[in-house]
Amino acid sequence: MHKPVTLITGTRKGIGKYLAEHYVNKGHIVVGCSRSPIDWKLNHYTHFETDVADENSVRQLFQMIRKNFGRLDNLINNAGIASMNHMALTPLSTVNNILNTNVIGTFLFCREATKLMISKNQGRIVNFTTVATPLKLEGEAIYAASKAAVGSLTEVLARELAPYNITVNAVGPTPIETDLIKSVPKEKMQRLIARQAISRFGTCEDVANVIDFFLNPKSDFITGQNIYLGGV
């Protein structure tokens, strides 16, 4: 049996780095990317410096995957950015950055991954949403809206790609203690966590557990689903 080839975006640190290590340990060949260089090494891992919203760079990355591995089994669209500001204080540059990374980046990787997966008539795509959307989190209007778009994209792509045995699902993490939330005041974060059924921070292990489920070969009848963590 071939080793699964798994592409994960946003692997320089945080959840993405954890997932790269997790899937290498599960026997996958992992390809990762980030805008900046990484300061760590991992066997059976290949890293590219890529802006997920740059179409030419994304195409080049997939050309290298096709050349080096000849296939892609799994895509995990982890790369994402957030900014907590009241809508009235949110500059347009922040809006563009969030939409470009979270929505455009997810779309480009789904599109290019599909071209590789269709040739093998199988594949798994996992996108990232957020509990900020169903919780209607104040101060996260653009971030929540961008992830709502990812949720909608996930549902439509699930239907478009089902004839090719490609499933498309999403996971919506609760706050996890990574750089993404370090600038958020502690009391605001505690109020958010209190709105969950399970009132604690999420962990990278929680996220990986859901992705493992989606990638499982036995999950081939599960598509178009979005699992929010924490009982939201």
C-alpha atoms as a PDB file:
ATOM      1  CA  MET A   1       0.000   0.000   0.000  1.00  0.00           C
ATOM      2  CA  HIS A   2       1.240   3.499  -0.817  1.00  0.00           C
ATOM      3  CA  LYS A   3       1.761   6.027   1.948  1.00  0.00           C
ATOM      4  CA  PRO A   4      -0.941   8.709   1.856  1.00  0.00           C
ATOM      5  CA  VAL A   5       0.252  12.083   0.551  1.00  0.00           C
ATOM      6  CA  THR A   6      -1.226  14.810   2.741  1.00  0.00           C
ATOM      7  CA  LEU A   7      -0.987  18.562   2.125  1.00  0.00           C
ATOM      8  CA  ILE A   8      -1.448  20.891   5.098  1.00  0.00           C
ATOM      9  CA  THR A   9      -1.451  24.682   4.825  1.00  0.00           C
ATOM     10  CA  GLY A  10      -0.144  27.005   7.527  1.00  0.00           C
ATOM     11  CA  THR A  11       2.342  24.581   9.078  1.00  0.00           C
ATOM     12  CA  ARG A  12       4.965  26.977  10.443  1.00  0.00           C
ATOM     13  CA  LYS A  13       3.522  26.845  13.967  1.00  0.00           C
ATOM     14  CA  GLY A  14       0.429  26.158  16.027  1.00  0.00           C
ATOM     15  CA  ILE A  15      -2.205  23.716  14.834  1.00  0.00           C
ATOM     16  CA  GLY A  16      -0.585  23.333  11.430  1.00  0.00           C
ATOM     17  CA  LYS A  17       2.762  22.282  12.855  1.00  0.00           C
ATOM     18  CA  TYR A  18       1.029  19.854  15.209  1.00  0.00           C
ATOM     19  CA  LEU A  19      -0.912  18.320  12.319  1.00  0.00           C
ATOM     20  CA  ALA A  20       2.256  17.921  10.234  1.00  0.00           C
ATOM     21  CA  GLU A  21       3.902  15.981  13.068  1.00  0.00           C
ATOM     22  CA  HIS A  22       0.701  14.038  13.736  1.00  0.00           C
ATOM     23  CA  TYR A  23       0.301  12.769  10.186  1.00  0.00           C
ATOM     24  CA  VAL A  24       3.990  12.010   9.694  1.00  0.00           C
ATOM     25  CA  ASN A  25       3.733   9.870  12.829  1.00  0.00           C
ATOM     26  CA  LYS A  26       0.705   8.129  11.283  1.00  0.00           C
ATOM     27  CA  GLY A  27       2.801   7.162   8.267  1.00  0.00           C
ATOM     28  CA  HIS A  28       1.818   9.900   5.827  1.00  0.00           C
ATOM     29  CA  ILE A  29       4.087  11.767   3.443  1.00  0.00           C
ATOM     30  CA  VAL A  30       3.323  15.345   4.444  1.00  0.00           C
ATOM     31  CA  VAL A  31       3.710  18.503   2.393  1.00  0.00           C
ATOM     32  CA  GLY A  32       3.284  21.809   4.195  1.00  0.00           C
ATOM     33  CA  CYS A  33       3.471  25.486   3.432  1.00  0.00           C
ATOM     34  CA  SER A  34       3.610  28.895   5.049  1.00  0.00           C
ATOM     35  CA  ARG A  35       4.546  32.418   4.009  1.00  0.00           C
ATOM     36  CA  SER A  36       7.644  32.366   6.218  1.00  0.00           C
ATOM     37  CA  PRO A  37      10.435  29.796   6.667  1.00  0.00           C
ATOM     38  CA  ILE A  38      10.100  27.143   9.352  1.00  0.00           C
ATOM     39  CA  ASP A  39      12.666  26.651  12.133  1.00  0.00           C
ATOM     40  CA  TRP A  40      12.159  22.892  12.536  1.00  0.00           C
ATOM     41  CA  LYS A  41      12.775  19.699  10.580  1.00  0.00           C
ATOM     42  CA  LEU A  42      10.756  16.526  10.222  1.00  0.00           C
ATOM     43  CA  ASN A  43      11.396  13.314   8.337  1.00  0.00           C
ATOM     44  CA  HIS A  44       8.972  12.592   5.472  1.00  0.00           C
ATOM     45  CA  TYR A  45       7.971  16.261   5.458  1.00  0.00           C
ATOM     46  CA  THR A  46       8.497  18.752   2.627  1.00  0.00           C
ATOM     47  CA  HIS A  47       7.987  22.470   3.159  1.00  0.00           C
ATOM     48  CA  PHE A  48       7.236  25.242   0.674  1.00  0.00           C
ATOM     49  CA  GLU A  49       7.149  28.982   1.266  1.00  0.00           C
ATOM     50  CA  THR A  50       3.834  29.906  -0.298  1.00  0.00           C
ATOM     51  CA  ASP A  51       1.248  32.633   0.140  1.00  0.00           C
ATOM     52  CA  VAL A  52      -2.016  30.686  -0.020  1.00  0.00           C
ATOM     53  CA  ALA A  53      -3.750  33.620  -1.732  1.00  0.00           C
ATOM     54  CA  ASP A  54      -1.138  33.933  -4.502  1.00  0.00           C
ATOM     55  CA  GLU A  55      -2.517  31.946  -7.440  1.00  0.00           C
ATOM     56  CA  ASN A  56       0.808  31.549  -9.246  1.00  0.00           C
ATOM     57  CA  SER A  57       2.607  30.358  -6.118  1.00  0.00           C
ATOM     58  CA  VAL A  58      -0.178  27.912  -5.333  1.00  0.00           C
ATOM     59  CA  ARG A  59      -0.049  26.482  -8.848  1.00  0.00           C
ATOM     60  CA  GLN A  60       3.718  26.061  -8.590  1.00  0.00           C
ATOM     61  CA  LEU A  61       3.336  24.202  -5.302  1.00  0.00           C
ATOM     62  CA  PHE A  62       0.887  21.757  -6.871  1.00  0.00           C
ATOM     63  CA  GLN A  63       3.122  21.284  -9.894  1.00  0.00           C
ATOM     64  CA  MET A  64       5.896  20.226  -7.522  1.00  0.00           C
ATOM     65  CA  ILE A  65       3.545  17.832  -5.722  1.00  0.00           C
ATOM     66  CA  ARG A  66       2.545  16.289  -9.044  1.00  0.00           C
ATOM     67  CA  LYS A  67       6.188  15.987 -10.122  1.00  0.00           C
ATOM     68  CA  ASN A  68       7.550  14.633  -6.832  1.00  0.00           C
ATOM     69  CA  PHE A  69       4.685  12.420  -5.653  1.00  0.00           C
ATOM     70  CA  GLY A  70       2.313  11.984  -8.584  1.00  0.00           C
ATOM     71  CA  ARG A  71      -0.747  12.109  -6.358  1.00  0.00           C
ATOM     72  CA  LEU A  72      -2.501  13.873  -3.495  1.00  0.00           C
ATOM     73  CA  ASP A  73      -4.729  11.958  -1.107  1.00  0.00           C
ATOM     74  CA  ASN A  74      -5.616  14.552   1.527  1.00  0.00           C
ATOM     75  CA  LEU A  75      -5.811  18.344   1.758  1.00  0.00           C
ATOM     76  CA  ILE A  76      -6.129  20.088   5.130  1.00  0.00           C
ATOM     77  CA  ASN A  77      -6.777  23.827   4.740  1.00  0.00           C
ATOM     78  CA  ASN A  78      -5.520  24.988   8.111  1.00  0.00           C
ATOM     79  CA  ALA A  79      -4.007  28.383   7.143  1.00  0.00           C
ATOM     80  CA  GLY A  80      -6.035  31.271   8.490  1.00  0.00           C
ATOM     81  CA  ILE A  81      -5.780  34.682  10.108  1.00  0.00           C
ATOM     82  CA  ALA A  82      -8.012  36.648  12.458  1.00  0.00           C
ATOM     83  CA  SER A  83      -8.204  40.153  13.863  1.00  0.00           C
ATOM     84  CA  MET A  84     -10.389  41.216  16.771  1.00  0.00           C
ATOM     85  CA  ASN A  85     -11.695  44.722  16.110  1.00  0.00           C
ATOM     86  CA  HIS A  86     -15.064  46.414  16.316  1.00  0.00           C
ATOM     87  CA  MET A  87     -16.484  46.691  12.812  1.00  0.00           C
ATOM     88  CA  ALA A  88     -16.305  50.490  12.929  1.00  0.00           C
ATOM     89  CA  LEU A  89     -12.569  50.312  13.689  1.00  0.00           C
ATOM     90  CA  THR A  90     -11.626  47.658  11.124  1.00  0.00           C
ATOM     91  CA  PRO A  91      -9.492  49.018   8.265  1.00  0.00           C
ATOM     92  CA  LEU A  92     -10.040  47.763   4.736  1.00  0.00           C
ATOM     93  CA  SER A  93      -6.514  46.335   4.646  1.00  0.00           C
ATOM     94  CA  THR A  94      -7.480  43.981   7.488  1.00  0.00           C
ATOM     95  CA  VAL A  95     -10.662  42.971   5.676  1.00  0.00           C
ATOM     96  CA  ASN A  96      -8.709  42.165   2.508  1.00  0.00           C
ATOM     97  CA  ASN A  97      -6.018  40.210   4.367  1.00  0.00           C
ATOM     98  CA  ILE A  98      -8.560  38.033   6.183  1.00  0.00           C
ATOM     99  CA  LEU A  99     -10.695  37.365   3.112  1.00  0.00           C
ATOM    100  CA  ASN A 100      -7.668  36.663   0.913  1.00  0.00           C
ATOM    101  CA  THR A 101      -6.158  34.135   3.311  1.00  0.00           C
ATOM    102  CA  ASN A 102      -9.267  32.472   4.682  1.00  0.00           C
ATOM    103  CA  VAL A 103     -11.549  32.434   1.635  1.00  0.00           C
ATOM    104  CA  ILE A 104      -9.414  32.891  -1.477  1.00  0.00           C
ATOM    105  CA  GLY A 105      -6.644  30.691  -0.091  1.00  0.00           C
ATOM    106  CA  THR A 106      -9.044  27.892   0.802  1.00  0.00           C
ATOM    107  CA  PHE A 107     -10.690  28.095  -2.617  1.00  0.00           C
ATOM    108  CA  LEU A 108      -7.392  28.017  -4.540  1.00  0.00           C
ATOM    109  CA  PHE A 109      -6.098  24.986  -2.645  1.00  0.00           C
ATOM    110  CA  CYS A 110      -9.407  23.144  -3.048  1.00  0.00           C
ATOM    111  CA  ARG A 111      -9.424  23.870  -6.766  1.00  0.00           C
ATOM    112  CA  GLU A 112      -5.853  22.766  -7.418  1.00  0.00           C
ATOM    113  CA  ALA A 113      -6.114  19.726  -5.122  1.00  0.00           C
ATOM    114  CA  THR A 114      -9.228  18.615  -6.962  1.00  0.00           C
ATOM    115  CA  LYS A 115      -7.290  18.402 -10.241  1.00  0.00           C
ATOM    116  CA  LEU A 116      -4.866  15.916  -8.680  1.00  0.00           C
ATOM    117  CA  MET A 117      -7.527  13.956  -6.803  1.00  0.00           C
ATOM    118  CA  ILE A 118      -9.846  13.527  -9.788  1.00  0.00           C
ATOM    119  CA  SER A 119      -7.090  11.706 -11.665  1.00  0.00           C
ATOM    120  CA  LYS A 120      -7.118   9.033  -8.938  1.00  0.00           C
ATOM    121  CA  ASN A 121     -10.895   9.183  -8.433  1.00  0.00           C
ATOM    122  CA  GLN A 122     -10.545   9.679  -4.688  1.00  0.00           C
ATOM    123  CA  GLY A 123      -9.580  12.256  -2.103  1.00  0.00           C
ATOM    124  CA  ARG A 124     -10.300  13.960   1.185  1.00  0.00           C
ATOM    125  CA  ILE A 125     -10.532  17.723   1.764  1.00  0.00           C
ATOM    126  CA  VAL A 126     -10.897  19.223   5.251  1.00  0.00           C
ATOM    127  CA  ASN A 127     -11.465  22.956   5.664  1.00  0.00           C
ATOM    128  CA  PHE A 128     -11.424  25.076   8.807  1.00  0.00           C
ATOM    129  CA  THR A 129     -14.376  27.105  10.068  1.00  0.00           C
ATOM    130  CA  THR A 130     -14.741  28.609  13.569  1.00  0.00           C
ATOM    131  CA  VAL A 131     -17.147  28.743  16.479  1.00  0.00           C
ATOM    132  CA  ALA A 132     -16.976  32.541  16.142  1.00  0.00           C
ATOM    133  CA  THR A 133     -19.585  32.219  13.369  1.00  0.00           C
ATOM    134  CA  PRO A 134     -22.422  30.413  15.235  1.00  0.00           C
ATOM    135  CA  LEU A 135     -21.589  32.344  18.422  1.00  0.00           C
ATOM    136  CA  LYS A 136     -21.807  35.625  16.461  1.00  0.00           C
ATOM    137  CA  LEU A 137     -18.701  36.746  18.290  1.00  0.00           C
ATOM    138  CA  GLU A 138     -18.491  40.485  18.794  1.00  0.00           C
ATOM    139  CA  GLY A 139     -15.304  42.010  17.418  1.00  0.00           C
ATOM    140  CA  GLU A 140     -14.813  39.214  14.881  1.00  0.00           C
ATOM    141  CA  ALA A 141     -17.248  40.325  12.165  1.00  0.00           C
ATOM    142  CA  ILE A 142     -14.925  39.842   9.194  1.00  0.00           C
ATOM    143  CA  TYR A 143     -13.248  36.713  10.576  1.00  0.00           C
ATOM    144  CA  ALA A 144     -16.631  35.103  11.318  1.00  0.00           C
ATOM    145  CA  ALA A 145     -17.937  36.125   7.886  1.00  0.00           C
ATOM    146  CA  SER A 146     -14.875  34.695   6.151  1.00  0.00           C
ATOM    147  CA  LYS A 147     -15.314  31.354   7.881  1.00  0.00           C
ATOM    148  CA  ALA A 148     -19.041  31.363   7.114  1.00  0.00           C
ATOM    149  CA  ALA A 149     -17.985  31.609   3.476  1.00  0.00           C
ATOM    150  CA  VAL A 150     -15.666  28.628   3.976  1.00  0.00           C
ATOM    151  CA  GLY A 151     -18.571  26.681   5.464  1.00  0.00           C
ATOM    152  CA  SER A 152     -20.750  27.434   2.456  1.00  0.00           C
ATOM    153  CA  LEU A 153     -17.897  26.595   0.074  1.00  0.00           C
ATOM    154  CA  THR A 154     -17.461  23.265   1.845  1.00  0.00           C
ATOM    155  CA  GLU A 155     -21.119  22.335   1.373  1.00  0.00           C
ATOM    156  CA  VAL A 156     -21.199  23.225  -2.331  1.00  0.00           C
ATOM    157  CA  LEU A 157     -17.884  21.545  -3.132  1.00  0.00           C
ATOM    158  CA  ALA A 158     -19.080  18.406  -1.372  1.00  0.00           C
ATOM    159  CA  ARG A 159     -21.850  18.122  -3.969  1.00  0.00           C
ATOM    160  CA  GLU A 160     -19.648  19.068  -6.912  1.00  0.00           C
ATOM    161  CA  LEU A 161     -16.930  16.578  -6.025  1.00  0.00           C
ATOM    162  CA  ALA A 162     -19.005  13.643  -4.791  1.00  0.00           C
ATOM    163  CA  PRO A 163     -19.087  12.020  -8.276  1.00  0.00           C
ATOM    164  CA  TYR A 164     -15.280  11.746  -8.092  1.00  0.00           C
ATOM    165  CA  ASN A 165     -15.224  10.062  -4.655  1.00  0.00           C
ATOM    166  CA  ILE A 166     -13.806  13.227  -3.076  1.00  0.00           C
ATOM    167  CA  THR A 167     -15.295  14.183   0.286  1.00  0.00           C
ATOM    168  CA  VAL A 168     -15.243  17.768   1.560  1.00  0.00           C
ATOM    169  CA  ASN A 169     -15.841  18.483   5.241  1.00  0.00           C
ATOM    170  CA  ALA A 170     -14.947  21.116   7.821  1.00  0.00           C
ATOM    171  CA  VAL A 171     -13.938  21.393  11.448  1.00  0.00           C
ATOM    172  CA  GLY A 172     -14.712  24.458  13.553  1.00  0.00           C
ATOM    173  CA  PRO A 173     -12.344  24.752  16.505  1.00  0.00           C
ATOM    174  CA  THR A 174     -13.046  26.557  19.732  1.00  0.00           C
ATOM    175  CA  PRO A 175     -10.295  28.893  21.020  1.00  0.00           C
ATOM    176  CA  ILE A 176      -6.975  27.060  21.221  1.00  0.00           C
ATOM    177  CA  GLU A 177      -4.008  28.588  23.014  1.00  0.00           C
ATOM    178  CA  THR A 178      -1.979  29.520  19.927  1.00  0.00           C
ATOM    179  CA  ASP A 179      -0.662  32.807  18.515  1.00  0.00           C
ATOM    180  CA  LEU A 180      -4.015  33.367  16.812  1.00  0.00           C
ATOM    181  CA  ILE A 181      -5.634  34.404  20.128  1.00  0.00           C
ATOM    182  CA  LYS A 182      -2.682  35.712  22.151  1.00  0.00           C
ATOM    183  CA  SER A 183      -3.687  39.342  21.554  1.00  0.00           C
ATOM    184  CA  VAL A 184      -7.253  38.801  22.800  1.00  0.00           C
ATOM    185  CA  PRO A 185      -7.851  40.015  26.388  1.00  0.00           C
ATOM    186  CA  LYS A 186      -8.074  37.095  28.805  1.00  0.00           C
ATOM    187  CA  GLU A 187     -11.447  38.150  30.247  1.00  0.00           C
ATOM    188  CA  LYS A 188     -12.975  38.319  26.755  1.00  0.00           C
ATOM    189  CA  MET A 189     -11.673  34.858  25.976  1.00  0.00           C
ATOM    190  CA  GLN A 190     -13.082  33.451  29.211  1.00  0.00           C
ATOM    191  CA  ARG A 191     -16.523  34.890  28.415  1.00  0.00           C
ATOM    192  CA  LEU A 192     -16.382  33.196  25.016  1.00  0.00           C
ATOM    193  CA  ILE A 193     -15.381  29.832  26.475  1.00  0.00           C
ATOM    194  CA  ALA A 194     -18.233  30.084  29.012  1.00  0.00           C
ATOM    195  CA  ARG A 195     -20.693  30.100  26.074  1.00  0.00           C
ATOM    196  CA  GLN A 196     -19.592  26.601  25.067  1.00  0.00           C
ATOM    197  CA  ALA A 197     -21.265  23.492  26.425  1.00  0.00           C
ATOM    198  CA  ILE A 198     -17.815  22.254  27.464  1.00  0.00           C
ATOM    199  CA  SER A 199     -16.146  25.282  29.036  1.00  0.00           C
ATOM    200  CA  ARG A 200     -12.460  24.843  28.284  1.00  0.00           C
ATOM    201  CA  PHE A 201      -9.911  25.735  25.665  1.00  0.00           C
ATOM    202  CA  GLY A 202      -9.689  23.354  22.758  1.00  0.00           C
ATOM    203  CA  THR A 203      -6.471  21.482  22.004  1.00  0.00           C
ATOM    204  CA  CYS A 204      -4.661  20.481  18.854  1.00  0.00           C
ATOM    205  CA  GLU A 205      -5.504  16.885  19.754  1.00  0.00           C
ATOM    206  CA  ASP A 206      -9.220  17.746  19.661  1.00  0.00           C
ATOM    207  CA  VAL A 207      -8.856  19.115  16.148  1.00  0.00           C
ATOM    208  CA  ALA A 208      -6.763  16.184  14.925  1.00  0.00           C
ATOM    209  CA  ASN A 209      -9.359  13.740  16.250  1.00  0.00           C
ATOM    210  CA  VAL A 210     -12.050  15.216  13.993  1.00  0.00           C
ATOM    211  CA  ILE A 211      -9.718  15.338  10.984  1.00  0.00           C
ATOM    212  CA  ASP A 212      -8.719  11.703  11.586  1.00  0.00           C
ATOM    213  CA  PHE A 213     -12.409  10.834  11.394  1.00  0.00           C
ATOM    214  CA  PHE A 214     -12.889  12.682   8.107  1.00  0.00           C
ATOM    215  CA  LEU A 215      -9.762  11.120   6.555  1.00  0.00           C
ATOM    216  CA  ASN A 216     -10.638   7.586   7.625  1.00  0.00           C
ATOM    217  CA  PRO A 217     -11.317   5.362   4.569  1.00  0.00           C
ATOM    218  CA  LYS A 218     -14.522   4.232   6.292  1.00  0.00           C
ATOM    219  CA  SER A 219     -15.783   7.858   6.217  1.00  0.00           C
ATOM    220  CA  ASP A 220     -16.400   7.760   2.473  1.00  0.00           C
ATOM    221  CA  PHE A 221     -20.145   8.345   2.991  1.00  0.00           C
ATOM    222  CA  ILE A 222     -19.605  11.507   5.039  1.00  0.00           C
ATOM    223  CA  THR A 223     -19.352  14.791   3.137  1.00  0.00           C
ATOM    224  CA  GLY A 224     -20.558  18.384   3.351  1.00  0.00           C
ATOM    225  CA  GLN A 225     -20.386  18.290   7.159  1.00  0.00           C
ATOM    226  CA  ASN A 226     -19.087  20.927   9.581  1.00  0.00           C
ATOM    227  CA  ILE A 227     -18.278  19.793  13.120  1.00  0.00           C
ATOM    228  CA  TYR A 228     -18.000  22.572  15.708  1.00  0.00           C
ATOM    229  CA  LEU A 229     -16.024  21.652  18.811  1.00  0.00           C
ATOM    230  CA  GLY A 230     -16.980  22.377  22.406  1.00  0.00           C
ATOM    231  CA  GLY A 231     -20.721  21.851  22.072  1.00  0.00           C
ATOM    232  CA  VAL A 232     -21.488  25.117  20.294  1.00  0.00           C
END
